[in-house]
Full PDB file with SEQRES, HELIX, SHEET, SSBOND, CRYST1, ORIGX, SCALE, CONECT and MASTER records, all heavy atoms in Angstrom:
SEQRES   1 A   35  ALA LYS PRO ASP PRO ALA LEU ALA ALA PRO GLY LEU ALA          
SEQRES   2 A   35  SER LEU ILE HIS ALA ALA ARG GLY GLY ASN PRO GLN ALA          
SEQRES   3 A   35  LEU GLN ILE ILE ALA GLU MET ALA GLU                          
HELIX    1 AA1 PRO A    5  ARG A   20  1                                  16    
HELIX    2 AA2 PRO A   24  ALA A   34  1                                  11    
CRYST1    1.000    1.000    1.000  90.00  90.00  90.00 P 1           1          
ORIGX1      1.000000  0.000000  0.000000        0.00000                         
ORIGX2      0.000000  1.000000  0.000000        0.00000                         
ORIGX3      0.000000  0.000000  1.000000        0.00000                         
SCALE1      1.000000  0.000000  0.000000        0.00000                         
SCALE2      0.000000  1.000000  0.000000        0.00000                         
SCALE3      0.000000  0.000000  1.000000        0.00000                         
ATOM      1  N   ALA A   1      88.821-152.698  36.524  1.00  0.00           N  
ATOM      2  CA  ALA A   1      87.402-152.430  36.239  1.00  0.00           C  
ATOM      3  C   ALA A   1      87.238-150.989  35.777  1.00  0.00           C  
ATOM      4  O   ALA A   1      87.962-150.100  36.202  1.00  0.00           O  
ATOM      5  CB  ALA A   1      86.560-152.685  37.475  1.00  0.00           C  
ATOM      6  N   LYS A   2      86.296-150.772  34.895  1.00  0.00           N  
ATOM      7  CA  LYS A   2      86.027-149.443  34.356  1.00  0.00           C  
ATOM      8  C   LYS A   2      84.800-148.854  35.036  1.00  0.00           C  
ATOM      9  O   LYS A   2      83.787-149.532  35.171  1.00  0.00           O  
ATOM     10  CB  LYS A   2      85.790-149.510  32.839  1.00  0.00           C  
ATOM     11  CG  LYS A   2      86.958-150.080  32.063  1.00  0.00           C  
ATOM     12  CD  LYS A   2      88.148-149.160  32.133  1.00  0.00           C  
ATOM     13  CE  LYS A   2      89.314-149.723  31.351  1.00  0.00           C  
ATOM     14  NZ  LYS A   2      90.583-149.472  31.940  1.00  0.00           N  
ATOM     15  N   PRO A   3      84.888-147.572  35.433  1.00  0.00           N  
ATOM     16  CA  PRO A   3      83.708-146.939  36.026  1.00  0.00           C  
ATOM     17  C   PRO A   3      82.567-146.851  35.020  1.00  0.00           C  
ATOM     18  O   PRO A   3      82.789-146.753  33.818  1.00  0.00           O  
ATOM     19  CB  PRO A   3      84.206-145.526  36.394  1.00  0.00           C  
ATOM     20  CG  PRO A   3      85.692-145.610  36.395  1.00  0.00           C  
ATOM     21  CD  PRO A   3      86.053-146.707  35.435  1.00  0.00           C  
ATOM     22  N   ASP A   4      81.347-146.885  35.507  1.00  0.00           N  
ATOM     23  CA  ASP A   4      80.161-146.752  34.673  1.00  0.00           C  
ATOM     24  C   ASP A   4      80.044-145.299  34.221  1.00  0.00           C  
ATOM     25  O   ASP A   4      79.865-144.404  35.044  1.00  0.00           O  
ATOM     26  CB  ASP A   4      78.937-147.158  35.494  1.00  0.00           C  
ATOM     27  CG  ASP A   4      77.642-147.083  34.718  1.00  0.00           C  
ATOM     28  OD1 ASP A   4      77.652-146.573  33.582  1.00  0.00           O  
ATOM     29  OD2 ASP A   4      76.619-147.536  35.258  1.00  0.00           O  
ATOM     30  N   PRO A   5      80.151-145.026  32.899  1.00  0.00           N  
ATOM     31  CA  PRO A   5      80.114-143.646  32.440  1.00  0.00           C  
ATOM     32  C   PRO A   5      78.811-142.928  32.781  1.00  0.00           C  
ATOM     33  O   PRO A   5      78.795-141.723  32.967  1.00  0.00           O  
ATOM     34  CB  PRO A   5      80.286-143.741  30.920  1.00  0.00           C  
ATOM     35  CG  PRO A   5      80.454-145.163  30.578  1.00  0.00           C  
ATOM     36  CD  PRO A   5      80.326-145.976  31.830  1.00  0.00           C  
ATOM     37  N   ALA A   6      77.717-143.666  32.901  1.00  0.00           N  
ATOM     38  CA  ALA A   6      76.442-143.037  33.240  1.00  0.00           C  
ATOM     39  C   ALA A   6      76.494-142.407  34.629  1.00  0.00           C  
ATOM     40  O   ALA A   6      75.804-141.440  34.905  1.00  0.00           O  
ATOM     41  CB  ALA A   6      75.319-144.059  33.166  1.00  0.00           C  
ATOM     42  N   LEU A   7      77.312-142.974  35.500  1.00  0.00           N  
ATOM     43  CA  LEU A   7      77.430-142.429  36.847  1.00  0.00           C  
ATOM     44  C   LEU A   7      78.500-141.347  36.939  1.00  0.00           C  
ATOM     45  O   LEU A   7      78.621-140.690  37.964  1.00  0.00           O  
ATOM     46  CB  LEU A   7      77.737-143.547  37.841  1.00  0.00           C  
ATOM     47  CG  LEU A   7      76.636-144.592  37.987  1.00  0.00           C  
ATOM     48  CD1 LEU A   7      77.076-145.715  38.913  1.00  0.00           C  
ATOM     49  CD2 LEU A   7      75.350-143.966  38.482  1.00  0.00           C  
ATOM     50  N   ALA A   8      79.266-141.151  35.873  1.00  0.00           N  
ATOM     51  CA  ALA A   8      80.299-140.125  35.885  1.00  0.00           C  
ATOM     52  C   ALA A   8      79.716-138.729  35.747  1.00  0.00           C  
ATOM     53  O   ALA A   8      80.262-137.763  36.273  1.00  0.00           O  
ATOM     54  CB  ALA A   8      81.312-140.383  34.771  1.00  0.00           C  
ATOM     55  N   ALA A   9      78.580-138.597  35.041  1.00  0.00           N  
ATOM     56  CA  ALA A   9      77.993-137.271  34.795  1.00  0.00           C  
ATOM     57  C   ALA A   9      77.699-136.514  36.091  1.00  0.00           C  
ATOM     58  O   ALA A   9      78.088-135.342  36.213  1.00  0.00           O  
ATOM     59  CB  ALA A   9      76.751-137.390  33.925  1.00  0.00           C  
ATOM     60  N   PRO A  10      77.045-137.135  37.096  1.00  0.00           N  
ATOM     61  CA  PRO A  10      76.792-136.379  38.329  1.00  0.00           C  
ATOM     62  C   PRO A  10      78.083-135.940  39.028  1.00  0.00           C  
ATOM     63  O   PRO A  10      78.156-134.817  39.547  1.00  0.00           O  
ATOM     64  CB  PRO A  10      76.001-137.359  39.201  1.00  0.00           C  
ATOM     65  CG  PRO A  10      75.387-138.316  38.236  1.00  0.00           C  
ATOM     66  CD  PRO A  10      76.370-138.434  37.109  1.00  0.00           C  
ATOM     67  N   GLY A  11      79.085-136.800  39.033  1.00  0.00           N  
ATOM     68  CA  GLY A  11      80.350-136.445  39.674  1.00  0.00           C  
ATOM     69  C   GLY A  11      81.058-135.308  38.954  1.00  0.00           C  
ATOM     70  O   GLY A  11      81.546-134.366  39.585  1.00  0.00           O  
ATOM     71  N   LEU A  12      81.108-135.392  37.632  1.00  0.00           N  
ATOM     72  CA  LEU A  12      81.723-134.316  36.852  1.00  0.00           C  
ATOM     73  C   LEU A  12      80.940-133.022  37.025  1.00  0.00           C  
ATOM     74  O   LEU A  12      81.531-131.945  37.180  1.00  0.00           O  
ATOM     75  CB  LEU A  12      81.807-134.700  35.372  1.00  0.00           C  
ATOM     76  CG  LEU A  12      82.860-135.752  35.017  1.00  0.00           C  
ATOM     77  CD1 LEU A  12      82.686-136.218  33.580  1.00  0.00           C  
ATOM     78  CD2 LEU A  12      84.257-135.203  35.230  1.00  0.00           C  
ATOM     79  N   ALA A  13      79.619-133.119  36.989  1.00  0.00           N  
ATOM     80  CA  ALA A  13      78.791-131.923  37.144  1.00  0.00           C  
ATOM     81  C   ALA A  13      79.026-131.262  38.499  1.00  0.00           C  
ATOM     82  O   ALA A  13      79.139-130.033  38.583  1.00  0.00           O  
ATOM     83  CB  ALA A  13      77.315-132.271  36.968  1.00  0.00           C  
ATOM     84  N   SER A  14      79.126-132.063  39.558  1.00  0.00           N  
ATOM     85  CA  SER A  14      79.337-131.459  40.877  1.00  0.00           C  
ATOM     86  C   SER A  14      80.707-130.795  40.968  1.00  0.00           C  
ATOM     87  O   SER A  14      80.843-129.733  41.575  1.00  0.00           O  
ATOM     88  CB  SER A  14      79.139-132.482  41.995  1.00  0.00           C  
ATOM     89  OG  SER A  14      80.111-133.481  41.946  1.00  0.00           O  
ATOM     90  N   LEU A  15      81.721-131.394  40.334  1.00  0.00           N  
ATOM     91  CA  LEU A  15      83.042-130.759  40.308  1.00  0.00           C  
ATOM     92  C   LEU A  15      83.009-129.463  39.500  1.00  0.00           C  
ATOM     93  O   LEU A  15      83.591-128.455  39.908  1.00  0.00           O  
ATOM     94  CB  LEU A  15      84.090-131.715  39.719  1.00  0.00           C  
ATOM     95  CG  LEU A  15      84.600-132.811  40.640  1.00  0.00           C  
ATOM     96  CD1 LEU A  15      85.437-133.814  39.864  1.00  0.00           C  
ATOM     97  CD2 LEU A  15      85.405-132.218  41.786  1.00  0.00           C  
ATOM     98  N   ILE A  16      82.349-129.493  38.352  1.00  0.00           N  
ATOM     99  CA  ILE A  16      82.238-128.299  37.509  1.00  0.00           C  
ATOM    100  C   ILE A  16      81.488-127.200  38.269  1.00  0.00           C  
ATOM    101  O   ILE A  16      81.917-126.038  38.278  1.00  0.00           O  
ATOM    102  CB  ILE A  16      81.552-128.639  36.167  1.00  0.00           C  
ATOM    103  CG1 ILE A  16      82.483-129.507  35.314  1.00  0.00           C  
ATOM    104  CG2 ILE A  16      81.131-127.379  35.415  1.00  0.00           C  
ATOM    105  CD1 ILE A  16      81.807-130.192  34.141  1.00  0.00           C  
ATOM    106  N   HIS A  17      80.400-127.574  38.917  1.00  0.00           N  
ATOM    107  CA  HIS A  17      79.597-126.614  39.686  1.00  0.00           C  
ATOM    108  C   HIS A  17      80.439-125.993  40.810  1.00  0.00           C  
ATOM    109  O   HIS A  17      80.415-124.765  41.015  1.00  0.00           O  
ATOM    110  CB  HIS A  17      78.362-127.320  40.240  1.00  0.00           C  
ATOM    111  CG  HIS A  17      77.448-126.438  41.013  1.00  0.00           C  
ATOM    112  ND1 HIS A  17      76.678-125.463  40.424  1.00  0.00           N  
ATOM    113  CD2 HIS A  17      77.185-126.371  42.347  1.00  0.00           C  
ATOM    114  CE1 HIS A  17      75.972-124.836  41.349  1.00  0.00           C  
ATOM    115  NE2 HIS A  17      76.263-125.377  42.526  1.00  0.00           N  
ATOM    116  N   ALA A  18      81.172-126.833  41.527  1.00  0.00           N  
ATOM    117  CA  ALA A  18      82.010-126.331  42.628  1.00  0.00           C  
ATOM    118  C   ALA A  18      83.138-125.443  42.094  1.00  0.00           C  
ATOM    119  O   ALA A  18      83.444-124.401  42.682  1.00  0.00           O  
ATOM    120  CB  ALA A  18      82.580-127.496  43.431  1.00  0.00           C  
ATOM    121  N   ALA A  19      83.749-125.844  40.979  1.00  0.00           N  
ATOM    122  CA  ALA A  19      84.818-125.037  40.377  1.00  0.00           C  
ATOM    123  C   ALA A  19      84.273-123.688  39.912  1.00  0.00           C  
ATOM    124  O   ALA A  19      84.903-122.644  40.097  1.00  0.00           O  
ATOM    125  CB  ALA A  19      85.456-125.782  39.212  1.00  0.00           C  
ATOM    126  N   ARG A  20      83.091-123.712  39.322  1.00  0.00           N  
ATOM    127  CA  ARG A  20      82.449-122.468  38.867  1.00  0.00           C  
ATOM    128  C   ARG A  20      82.172-121.553  40.054  1.00  0.00           C  
ATOM    129  O   ARG A  20      82.239-120.340  39.950  1.00  0.00           O  
ATOM    130  CB  ARG A  20      81.162-122.784  38.119  1.00  0.00           C  
ATOM    131  CG  ARG A  20      80.444-121.552  37.584  1.00  0.00           C  
ATOM    132  CD  ARG A  20      79.383-121.937  36.566  1.00  0.00           C  
ATOM    133  NE  ARG A  20      78.513-120.833  36.242  1.00  0.00           N  
ATOM    134  CZ  ARG A  20      78.839-119.777  35.511  1.00  0.00           C  
ATOM    135  NH1 ARG A  20      80.063-119.696  35.016  1.00  0.00           N  
ATOM    136  NH2 ARG A  20      77.977-118.821  35.266  1.00  0.00           N  
ATOM    137  N   GLY A  21      81.891-122.153  41.204  1.00  0.00           N  
ATOM    138  CA  GLY A  21      81.629-121.384  42.416  1.00  0.00           C  
ATOM    139  C   GLY A  21      82.894-120.911  43.123  1.00  0.00           C  
ATOM    140  O   GLY A  21      82.824-120.295  44.174  1.00  0.00           O  
ATOM    141  N   GLY A  22      84.056-121.233  42.563  1.00  0.00           N  
ATOM    142  CA  GLY A  22      85.313-120.746  43.121  1.00  0.00           C  
ATOM    143  C   GLY A  22      86.032-121.704  44.043  1.00  0.00           C  
ATOM    144  O   GLY A  22      87.001-121.323  44.697  1.00  0.00           O  
ATOM    145  N   ASN A  23      85.611-122.959  44.108  1.00  0.00           N  
ATOM    146  CA  ASN A  23      86.279-123.940  44.966  1.00  0.00           C  
ATOM    147  C   ASN A  23      87.604-124.329  44.323  1.00  0.00           C  
ATOM    148  O   ASN A  23      87.620-124.994  43.282  1.00  0.00           O  
ATOM    149  CB  ASN A  23      85.374-125.162  45.139  1.00  0.00           C  
ATOM    150  CG  ASN A  23      85.980-126.218  46.027  1.00  0.00           C  
ATOM    151  OD1 ASN A  23      87.141-126.570  45.890  1.00  0.00           O  
ATOM    152  ND2 ASN A  23      85.170-126.744  46.926  1.00  0.00           N  
ATOM    153  N   PRO A  24      88.745-123.946  44.921  1.00  0.00           N  
ATOM    154  CA  PRO A  24      90.047-124.221  44.295  1.00  0.00           C  
ATOM    155  C   PRO A  24      90.371-125.716  44.208  1.00  0.00           C  
ATOM    156  O   PRO A  24      90.981-126.158  43.240  1.00  0.00           O  
ATOM    157  CB  PRO A  24      91.051-123.486  45.181  1.00  0.00           C  
ATOM    158  CG  PRO A  24      90.353-123.238  46.468  1.00  0.00           C  
ATOM    159  CD  PRO A  24      88.885-123.207  46.172  1.00  0.00           C  
ATOM    160  N   GLN A  25      89.932-126.496  45.198  1.00  0.00           N  
ATOM    161  CA  GLN A  25      90.199-127.936  45.173  1.00  0.00           C  
ATOM    162  C   GLN A  25      89.448-128.587  44.009  1.00  0.00           C  
ATOM    163  O   GLN A  25      90.009-129.398  43.273  1.00  0.00           O  
ATOM    164  CB  GLN A  25      89.803-128.570  46.499  1.00  0.00           C  
ATOM    165  CG  GLN A  25      90.123-130.047  46.574  1.00  0.00           C  
ATOM    166  CD  GLN A  25      89.724-130.658  47.913  1.00  0.00           C  
ATOM    167  OE1 GLN A  25      89.179-130.002  48.790  1.00  0.00           O  
ATOM    168  NE2 GLN A  25      89.996-131.935  48.068  1.00  0.00           N  
ATOM    169  N   ALA A  26      88.184-128.213  43.829  1.00  0.00           N  
ATOM    170  CA  ALA A  26      87.404-128.761  42.717  1.00  0.00           C  
ATOM    171  C   ALA A  26      88.011-128.352  41.388  1.00  0.00           C  
ATOM    172  O   ALA A  26      88.090-129.160  40.461  1.00  0.00           O  
ATOM    173  CB  ALA A  26      85.953-128.285  42.803  1.00  0.00           C  
ATOM    174  N   LEU A  27      88.469-127.117  41.295  1.00  0.00           N  
ATOM    175  CA  LEU A  27      89.092-126.642  40.055  1.00  0.00           C  
ATOM    176  C   LEU A  27      90.354-127.439  39.745  1.00  0.00           C  
ATOM    177  O   LEU A  27      90.569-127.843  38.602  1.00  0.00           O  
ATOM    178  CB  LEU A  27      89.403-125.147  40.156  1.00  0.00           C  
ATOM    179  CG  LEU A  27      89.932-124.487  38.899  1.00  0.00           C  
ATOM    180  CD1 LEU A  27      88.962-124.647  37.736  1.00  0.00           C  
ATOM    181  CD2 LEU A  27      90.204-123.009  39.151  1.00  0.00           C  
ATOM    182  N   GLN A  28      91.149-127.699  40.766  1.00  0.00           N  
ATOM    183  CA  GLN A  28      92.378-128.475  40.566  1.00  0.00           C  
ATOM    184  C   GLN A  28      92.049-129.905  40.126  1.00  0.00           C  
ATOM    185  O   GLN A  28      92.650-130.424  39.185  1.00  0.00           O  
ATOM    186  CB  GLN A  28      93.200-128.504  41.853  1.00  0.00           C  
ATOM    187  CG  GLN A  28      94.480-129.311  41.705  1.00  0.00           C  
ATOM    188  CD  GLN A  28      95.273-129.401  42.997  1.00  0.00           C  
ATOM    189  OE1 GLN A  28      94.908-128.838  44.013  1.00  0.00           O  
ATOM    190  NE2 GLN A  28      96.372-130.115  42.950  1.00  0.00           N  
ATOM    191  N   ILE A  29      91.087-130.528  40.777  1.00  0.00           N  
ATOM    192  CA  ILE A  29      90.727-131.912  40.454  1.00  0.00           C  
ATOM    193  C   ILE A  29      90.186-131.998  39.031  1.00  0.00           C  
ATOM    194  O   ILE A  29      90.608-132.854  38.247  1.00  0.00           O  
ATOM    195  CB  ILE A  29      89.702-132.468  41.465  1.00  0.00           C  
ATOM    196  CG1 ILE A  29      90.360-132.636  42.830  1.00  0.00           C  
ATOM    197  CG2 ILE A  29      89.111-133.792  40.984  1.00  0.00           C  
ATOM    198  CD1 ILE A  29      89.371-132.906  43.956  1.00  0.00           C  
ATOM    199  N   ILE A  30      89.266-131.095  38.664  1.00  0.00           N  
ATOM    200  CA  ILE A  30      88.665-131.155  37.334  1.00  0.00           C  
ATOM    201  C   ILE A  30      89.702-130.821  36.263  1.00  0.00           C  
ATOM    202  O   ILE A  30      89.683-131.398  35.176  1.00  0.00           O  
ATOM    203  CB  ILE A  30      87.389-130.276  37.233  1.00  0.00           C  
ATOM    204  CG1 ILE A  30      86.542-130.666  36.021  1.00  0.00           C  
ATOM    205  CG2 ILE A  30      87.715-128.810  37.172  1.00  0.00           C  
ATOM    206  CD1 ILE A  30      85.757-131.910  36.158  1.00  0.00           C  
ATOM    207  N   ALA A  31      90.639-129.931  36.567  1.00  0.00           N  
ATOM    208  CA  ALA A  31      91.704-129.599  35.613  1.00  0.00           C  
ATOM    209  C   ALA A  31      92.600-130.814  35.371  1.00  0.00           C  
ATOM    210  O   ALA A  31      92.975-131.112  34.223  1.00  0.00           O  
ATOM    211  CB  ALA A  31      92.530-128.418  36.110  1.00  0.00           C  
ATOM    212  N   GLU A  32      92.925-131.531  36.437  1.00  0.00           N  
ATOM    213  CA  GLU A  32      93.759-132.729  36.302  1.00  0.00           C  
ATOM    214  C   GLU A  32      93.023-133.817  35.525  1.00  0.00           C  
ATOM    215  O   GLU A  32      93.616-134.511  34.697  1.00  0.00           O  
ATOM    216  CB  GLU A  32      94.196-133.232  37.670  1.00  0.00           C  
ATOM    217  CG  GLU A  32      95.209-132.325  38.335  1.00  0.00           C  
ATOM    218  CD  GLU A  32      95.491-132.672  39.783  1.00  0.00           C  
ATOM    219  OE1 GLU A  32      94.981-133.699  40.283  1.00  0.00           O  
ATOM    220  OE2 GLU A  32      96.229-131.901  40.424  1.00  0.00           O  
ATOM    221  N   MET A  33      91.725-133.949  35.782  1.00  0.00           N  
ATOM    222  CA  MET A  33      90.928-134.941  35.050  1.00  0.00           C  
ATOM    223  C   MET A  33      90.886-134.586  33.561  1.00  0.00           C  
ATOM    224  O   MET A  33      91.050-135.462  32.710  1.00  0.00           O  
ATOM    225  CB  MET A  33      89.505-135.006  35.618  1.00  0.00           C  
ATOM    226  CG  MET A  33      89.421-135.647  36.973  1.00  0.00           C  
ATOM    227  SD  MET A  33      87.759-135.556  37.672  1.00  0.00           S  
ATOM    228  CE  MET A  33      86.897-136.697  36.621  1.00  0.00           C  
ATOM    229  N   ALA A  34      90.678-133.306  33.267  1.00  0.00           N  
ATOM    230  CA  ALA A  34      90.622-132.871  31.866  1.00  0.00           C  
ATOM    231  C   ALA A  34      91.955-133.117  31.169  1.00  0.00           C  
ATOM    232  O   ALA A  34      91.986-133.549  30.012  1.00  0.00           O  
ATOM    233  CB  ALA A  34      90.233-131.395  31.791  1.00  0.00           C  
ATOM    234  N   GLU A  35      93.042-132.887  31.891  1.00  0.00           N  
ATOM    235  CA  GLU A  35      94.363-133.139  31.316  1.00  0.00           C  
ATOM    236  C   GLU A  35      94.544-134.621  30.985  1.00  0.00           C  
ATOM    237  O   GLU A  35      95.033-134.983  29.908  1.00  0.00           O  
ATOM    238  CB  GLU A  35      95.454-132.674  32.283  1.00  0.00           C  
ATOM    239  CG  GLU A  35      96.856-132.848  31.729  1.00  0.00           C  
ATOM    240  CD  GLU A  35      97.931-132.388  32.713  1.00  0.00           C  
ATOM    241  OE1 GLU A  35      97.627-131.569  33.608  1.00  0.00           O  
ATOM    242  OE2 GLU A  35      99.066-132.858  32.574  1.00  0.00           O  
TER     243      GLU A  35                                                      
MASTER        0    0    0    2    0    0    0    6  242    1    0    3          
END                                                                             
């Protein structure tokens, strides 16, 4: 099954926000997702 892309925006935004705030775990997760 494929995730609903409309629901991905809040999750990505929260990871980006946390990474911007210096959360190393969020930065690692978002970096892996981007890769």
